[in-house]
Amino acid sequence: VPYCLNTSSVASSQTIHYSSEIMAPTATTLSGESESNSRLGALGKTVSGKKLKIRSYPKFETLEEERLYRKQHLAAAFRIFAERGFDEGVAGHISVRDPILTDHFWLNPLSQHFSQIRVSDLILVNEDGDVVEGDEPINAAAFAIHSEIHKARPDVHAACHAHSVYGKAFSVFGRELDMITQDSLRFYKSHAVYDNFGGIVLDREEGKRIAKCLGGGKAAILQNHGLLTVGQSVDEAAFWFISLDKTCHAQLLVDAASAGSGHEKIFINDEEAAFTYPQVGGSEKGWLAFQGYYDEQLAKSNGSFLK
């Protein structure tokens, strides 16, 4: 029977040392800034007093424009994943909901390498798994997982899954992350562990169980398998994946160093974690954090993925 472990507490078998005896949050928020700037940690005022606004998810005149935007950023996400070694044969997939046909979503073709994917290569599938637009088959496991996530979470417009090295290495332990770094707090009480490995996910019932385990969170660690992240935009979901893989890497290093040296890990206490989470784990912050990667890919490829 699949078991879902939620991040409501750290493992009880560990001795927990917190970062401070003062349990109340010591950080603060920006004052004198717009709500958006303050929420995203942006300090923006010129010497003349002009207020500068941080970039944000664009507003579109038409849904067709938004469809193109989503497809462009989906294609970029594949290129960015390839550069970080998140590819492995035909494993891995990213989806984004279509803004017009909202029970349809765009996916990568099964046999195409992440580094080669362009906007014109993307496949549109309906809720039954039928290809509506495109000439290539899709990954059956991708449909089984993504279709149920999109159905269960109307707030989620994108999902990422790949067999990244650090993600799958950490997944072997079937445990949640420790809240030991500022970046790990992006996933504070917002990730789960799907404690079941039943082989390649081809059954939509398995997809339903994964979606149920994910709950309202942004990420799931699939035991003996890999990582899964979601977001309100493909940018957000992709950044959470990049960050989650890095967080798994950091934890593997910390656990190994702790075991070798005998030094005990220092945990961030719950109050500090809860206070920090909105500053580092909000949807807008996830979208914003991805934009530098998108800009880099645009410059490095001369926009070839936009075709």
Protein backbone atom coordinates (compact mmCIF):
# COMPACT_ATOMS: atom_id res chain seq x y z
CA VAL A 1 0.00 0.00 0.00
CA PRO A 2 1.54 3.36 -0.98
CA TYR A 3 2.44 5.55 1.94
CA CYS A 4 2.66 9.31 1.77
CA LEU A 5 4.96 11.04 4.22
CA ASN A 6 4.16 14.71 4.75
CA THR A 7 6.55 17.30 6.11
CA SER A 8 4.84 18.02 9.39
CA SER A 9 7.89 17.25 11.50
CA VAL A 10 11.51 16.15 11.31
CA ALA A 11 12.34 12.55 12.02
CA SER A 12 11.84 11.79 15.69
CA SER A 13 14.90 9.54 15.83
CA GLN A 14 17.22 12.53 15.51
CA THR A 15 18.51 14.85 18.18
CA ILE A 16 17.53 18.27 16.95
CA HIS A 17 19.74 21.30 17.54
CA TYR A 18 18.11 24.58 16.52
CA SER A 19 19.89 27.59 15.13
CA SER A 20 19.01 29.80 18.07
CA GLU A 21 17.52 29.60 21.52
CA ILE A 22 15.36 32.58 20.57
CA MET A 23 12.38 30.96 18.89
CA ALA A 24 10.76 34.16 17.59
CA PRO A 25 11.69 35.23 14.05
CA THR A 26 14.53 37.74 13.95
CA ALA A 27 14.30 38.62 10.23
CA THR A 28 12.20 41.51 9.00
CA THR A 29 10.39 42.67 5.89
CA LEU A 30 11.05 45.68 3.66
CA SER A 31 9.22 48.91 4.42
CA GLY A 32 8.58 51.77 2.04
CA GLU A 33 8.38 49.41 -0.94
CA SER A 34 5.45 48.34 -3.10
CA GLU A 35 3.67 45.21 -1.95
CA SER A 36 5.18 43.21 -4.80
CA ASN A 37 8.73 44.48 -4.20
CA SER A 38 8.43 43.84 -0.48
CA ARG A 39 7.08 40.35 -1.02
CA LEU A 40 9.91 39.50 -3.41
CA GLY A 41 12.68 41.14 -1.42
CA ALA A 42 13.31 43.83 -4.05
CA LEU A 43 14.77 47.17 -3.00
CA GLY A 44 13.98 49.68 -5.72
CA LYS A 45 14.25 53.45 -5.40
CA THR A 46 16.54 55.80 -7.31
CA VAL A 47 18.35 58.82 -5.84
CA SER A 48 15.67 60.99 -7.46
CA GLY A 49 12.97 59.12 -5.55
CA LYS A 50 11.64 57.15 -8.50
CA LYS A 51 10.28 53.78 -7.46
CA LEU A 52 11.39 50.78 -9.52
CA LYS A 53 9.19 47.74 -9.94
CA ILE A 54 10.46 44.18 -10.07
CA ARG A 55 9.51 42.19 -13.17
CA SER A 56 6.43 39.99 -12.88
CA TYR A 57 4.37 37.51 -14.85
CA PRO A 58 3.13 39.43 -17.92
CA LYS A 59 -0.45 40.36 -18.67
CA PHE A 60 -1.75 39.34 -22.08
CA GLU A 61 -4.20 40.90 -24.49
CA THR A 62 -5.39 37.49 -25.69
CA LEU A 63 -5.28 33.88 -24.55
CA GLU A 64 -3.45 33.03 -27.79
CA GLU A 65 -0.62 35.30 -26.63
CA GLU A 66 -0.52 33.54 -23.28
CA ARG A 67 -0.52 30.15 -24.99
CA LEU A 68 2.57 31.15 -26.98
CA TYR A 69 4.27 32.50 -23.85
CA ARG A 70 3.64 29.25 -21.97
CA LYS A 71 4.97 27.17 -24.87
CA GLN A 72 8.08 29.33 -25.21
CA HIS A 73 8.90 29.01 -21.53
CA LEU A 74 8.17 25.28 -21.60
CA ALA A 75 10.63 24.80 -24.48
CA ALA A 76 13.21 26.88 -22.60
CA ALA A 77 12.72 24.77 -19.47
CA PHE A 78 13.66 21.62 -21.38
CA ARG A 79 16.86 23.25 -22.66
CA ILE A 80 17.71 24.42 -19.14
CA PHE A 81 17.07 20.95 -17.70
CA ALA A 82 19.36 19.44 -20.34
CA GLU A 83 22.19 21.79 -19.42
CA ARG A 84 21.88 20.70 -15.78
CA GLY A 85 22.01 17.01 -16.61
CA PHE A 86 18.38 16.30 -15.74
CA ASP A 87 17.97 14.29 -18.93
CA GLU A 88 18.42 10.51 -19.06
CA GLY A 89 17.38 8.79 -22.26
CA VAL A 90 13.65 9.27 -22.73
CA ALA A 91 12.96 9.68 -18.99
CA GLY A 92 11.60 12.96 -17.68
CA HIS A 93 8.83 15.30 -18.71
CA ILE A 94 7.46 18.79 -18.15
CA SER A 95 3.89 19.83 -18.82
CA VAL A 96 2.06 23.13 -18.98
CA ARG A 97 -1.71 23.60 -19.06
CA ASP A 98 -3.18 25.19 -22.16
CA PRO A 99 -4.84 28.51 -21.24
CA ILE A 100 -7.61 28.06 -23.84
CA LEU A 101 -8.35 24.34 -23.67
CA THR A 102 -7.84 24.15 -19.94
CA ASP A 103 -8.28 20.38 -19.69
CA HIS A 104 -5.46 19.95 -22.25
CA PHE A 105 -1.74 20.32 -21.64
CA TRP A 106 1.50 20.55 -23.61
CA LEU A 107 4.26 17.94 -23.25
CA ASN A 108 7.54 16.95 -24.81
CA PRO A 109 7.65 14.28 -27.54
CA LEU A 110 8.92 10.97 -26.15
CA SER A 111 11.99 10.47 -28.32
CA GLN A 112 13.39 13.99 -28.53
CA HIS A 113 16.31 15.10 -26.36
CA PHE A 114 15.58 17.98 -24.00
CA SER A 115 18.36 20.07 -25.57
CA GLN A 116 16.70 20.00 -29.01
CA ILE A 117 13.11 20.82 -28.11
CA ARG A 118 11.54 23.85 -29.77
CA VAL A 119 8.09 25.40 -29.49
CA SER A 120 7.04 23.66 -32.73
CA ASP A 121 7.98 20.25 -31.29
CA LEU A 122 5.61 20.42 -28.32
CA ILE A 123 2.67 18.03 -28.17
CA LEU A 124 -0.84 19.02 -27.07
CA VAL A 125 -2.83 16.20 -25.45
CA ASN A 126 -6.38 16.07 -24.10
CA GLU A 127 -7.58 14.57 -20.83
CA ASP A 128 -7.89 11.15 -22.49
CA GLY A 129 -4.29 11.11 -23.68
CA ASP A 130 -5.16 11.72 -27.33
CA VAL A 131 -2.73 13.87 -29.31
CA VAL A 132 -4.56 17.00 -30.45
CA GLU A 133 -1.57 18.78 -31.94
CA GLY A 134 1.77 17.23 -32.92
CA ASP A 135 3.16 14.26 -34.84
CA GLU A 136 5.04 12.31 -32.16
CA PRO A 137 3.97 9.95 -29.34
CA ILE A 138 4.19 11.12 -25.74
CA ASN A 139 5.58 9.35 -22.69
CA ALA A 140 2.79 7.15 -21.25
CA ALA A 141 4.14 7.64 -17.72
CA ALA A 142 4.12 11.40 -18.28
CA PHE A 143 0.44 11.31 -19.18
CA ALA A 144 -0.44 9.05 -16.24
CA ILE A 145 1.20 11.43 -13.76
CA HIS A 146 0.58 14.85 -15.27
CA SER A 147 -3.04 14.31 -16.27
CA GLU A 148 -4.03 13.45 -12.71
CA ILE A 149 -2.06 16.33 -11.21
CA HIS A 150 -3.63 18.85 -13.59
CA LYS A 151 -7.05 17.40 -12.84
CA ALA A 152 -6.60 17.38 -9.04
CA ARG A 153 -4.97 20.82 -8.83
CA PRO A 154 -6.75 23.56 -10.82
CA ASP A 155 -4.22 26.02 -9.33
CA VAL A 156 -1.34 24.10 -10.91
CA HIS A 157 -0.53 24.99 -14.50
CA ALA A 158 2.76 23.11 -14.82
CA ALA A 159 4.52 20.04 -13.49
CA CYS A 160 8.09 18.78 -13.81
CA HIS A 161 9.48 15.29 -13.30
CA ALA A 162 12.98 14.03 -14.05
CA HIS A 163 15.52 11.52 -12.83
CA SER A 164 18.16 14.01 -11.70
CA VAL A 165 21.20 12.44 -10.01
CA TYR A 166 20.88 14.08 -6.60
CA GLY A 167 17.10 13.79 -6.59
CA LYS A 168 17.05 10.08 -7.24
CA ALA A 169 19.96 9.49 -4.85
CA PHE A 170 18.10 11.24 -2.03
CA SER A 171 14.83 9.52 -2.95
CA VAL A 172 16.32 6.15 -1.98
CA PHE A 173 15.97 7.07 1.70
CA GLY A 174 12.21 7.61 1.42
CA ARG A 175 12.38 10.61 3.71
CA GLU A 176 11.57 14.28 3.68
CA LEU A 177 14.09 17.10 3.63
CA ASP A 178 15.61 18.53 6.78
CA MET A 179 15.10 22.25 7.25
CA ILE A 180 18.80 23.05 7.53
CA THR A 181 19.42 25.76 4.91
CA GLN A 182 17.60 28.88 3.80
CA ASP A 183 16.97 27.31 0.40
CA SER A 184 15.45 24.18 1.94
CA LEU A 185 12.80 26.45 3.44
CA ARG A 186 11.26 26.80 -0.02
CA PHE A 187 9.84 23.36 0.70
CA TYR A 188 8.87 23.87 4.34
CA LYS A 189 5.63 21.95 4.90
CA SER A 190 5.19 22.05 1.13
CA HIS A 191 6.60 18.71 0.02
CA ALA A 192 5.74 15.06 0.54
CA VAL A 193 7.34 11.66 0.09
CA TYR A 194 5.56 9.10 -2.08
CA ASP A 195 6.69 5.99 -0.29
CA ASN A 196 5.97 3.42 -2.97
CA PHE A 197 7.80 2.12 -6.01
CA GLY A 198 5.67 0.09 -8.34
CA GLY A 199 7.80 0.29 -11.45
CA ILE A 200 7.19 2.65 -14.37
CA VAL A 201 4.01 4.65 -13.82
CA LEU A 202 1.70 3.62 -16.67
CA ASP A 203 -1.57 3.41 -14.74
CA ARG A 204 -3.64 6.54 -14.14
CA GLU A 205 -4.60 5.12 -10.74
CA GLU A 206 -0.96 5.42 -9.77
CA GLY A 207 -1.03 8.98 -11.08
CA LYS A 208 -4.03 9.65 -8.84
CA ARG A 209 -2.17 8.32 -5.81
CA ILE A 210 0.83 10.54 -6.58
CA ALA A 211 -1.46 13.56 -6.98
CA LYS A 212 -3.15 12.73 -3.67
CA CYS A 213 0.20 12.42 -1.95
CA LEU A 214 1.33 15.76 -3.40
CA GLY A 215 -1.78 17.34 -1.86
CA GLY A 216 -1.56 21.12 -1.88
CA GLY A 217 2.25 21.16 -1.86
CA LYS A 218 4.76 22.18 -4.50
CA ALA A 219 6.91 19.03 -4.57
CA ALA A 220 7.04 15.29 -4.02
CA ILE A 221 10.00 13.00 -3.58
CA LEU A 222 9.12 9.76 -5.36
CA GLN A 223 10.91 6.98 -3.48
CA ASN A 224 13.50 5.06 -5.55
CA HIS A 225 12.48 7.19 -8.51
CA GLY A 226 13.10 10.94 -8.60
CA LEU A 227 11.57 14.34 -8.01
CA LEU A 228 8.32 16.03 -8.96
CA THR A 229 7.50 19.73 -8.69
CA VAL A 230 4.50 21.86 -9.65
CA GLY A 231 3.69 25.53 -9.99
CA GLN A 232 1.26 28.15 -11.23
CA SER A 233 3.62 28.68 -14.18
CA VAL A 234 6.14 26.46 -15.91
CA ASP A 235 8.81 28.93 -14.78
CA GLU A 236 7.88 28.40 -11.15
CA ALA A 237 7.66 24.60 -11.41
CA ALA A 238 11.01 24.43 -13.22
CA PHE A 239 12.75 26.60 -10.65
CA TRP A 240 11.38 24.53 -7.78
CA PHE A 241 12.82 21.45 -9.50
CA ILE A 242 16.25 23.04 -9.92
CA SER A 243 16.20 24.16 -6.29
CA LEU A 244 14.90 20.84 -4.97
CA ASP A 245 17.66 18.93 -6.73
CA LYS A 246 20.27 21.31 -5.29
CA THR A 247 18.70 20.95 -1.85
CA CYS A 248 18.89 17.15 -2.11
CA HIS A 249 22.55 17.52 -3.11
CA ALA A 250 23.28 19.75 -0.13
CA GLN A 251 21.55 17.39 2.27
CA LEU A 252 23.46 14.38 0.93
CA LEU A 253 26.72 16.29 1.52
CA VAL A 254 25.67 17.41 4.99
CA ASP A 255 24.53 13.93 6.03
CA ALA A 256 27.79 12.39 4.80
CA ALA A 257 29.89 15.06 6.51
CA SER A 258 27.94 14.69 9.75
CA ALA A 259 28.36 10.92 9.72
CA GLY A 260 32.08 11.23 9.02
CA SER A 261 32.91 14.02 11.45
CA GLY A 262 30.46 13.39 14.25
CA HIS A 263 29.24 16.98 14.09
CA GLU A 264 25.51 17.30 14.62
CA LYS A 265 23.33 19.20 12.19
CA ILE A 266 21.77 22.46 13.31
CA PHE A 267 18.13 22.75 12.31
CA ILE A 268 16.18 25.93 11.58
CA ASN A 269 13.37 26.17 14.10
CA ASP A 270 9.72 26.03 13.04
CA GLU A 271 8.94 29.66 13.78
CA GLU A 272 11.87 30.94 11.73
CA ALA A 273 11.01 28.49 8.97
CA ALA A 274 7.34 29.50 8.89
CA PHE A 275 8.28 33.18 8.83
CA THR A 276 10.83 32.72 6.03
CA TYR A 277 8.78 30.41 3.82
CA PRO A 278 6.58 33.13 2.21
CA GLN A 279 9.74 35.11 1.40
CA VAL A 280 11.49 32.26 -0.41
CA GLY A 281 8.72 29.84 -1.37
CA GLY A 282 5.96 31.97 -2.85
CA SER A 283 4.71 31.46 -6.40
CA GLU A 284 5.86 34.89 -7.57
CA LYS A 285 9.35 34.26 -6.20
CA GLY A 286 9.53 30.94 -8.02
CA TRP A 287 8.55 32.59 -11.32
CA LEU A 288 11.04 35.43 -10.79
CA ALA A 289 13.89 33.11 -9.89
CA PHE A 290 13.57 31.32 -13.23
CA GLN A 291 13.82 34.45 -15.39
CA GLY A 292 17.60 34.66 -15.25
CA TYR A 293 17.85 31.09 -16.55
CA TYR A 294 15.40 31.93 -19.34
CA ASP A 295 17.35 35.05 -20.31
CA GLU A 296 20.59 33.07 -20.34
CA GLN A 297 19.08 30.38 -22.57
CA LEU A 298 17.67 33.01 -24.93
CA ALA A 299 21.09 34.62 -25.28
CA LYS A 300 23.08 31.37 -25.59
CA SER A 301 20.79 29.82 -28.20
CA ASN A 302 19.92 32.98 -30.13
CA GLY A 303 16.33 32.06 -29.43
CA SER A 304 16.43 28.82 -31.41
CA PHE A 305 13.95 27.18 -29.05
CA LEU A 306 11.33 29.78 -29.98
CA LYS A 307 10.87 28.38 -33.50
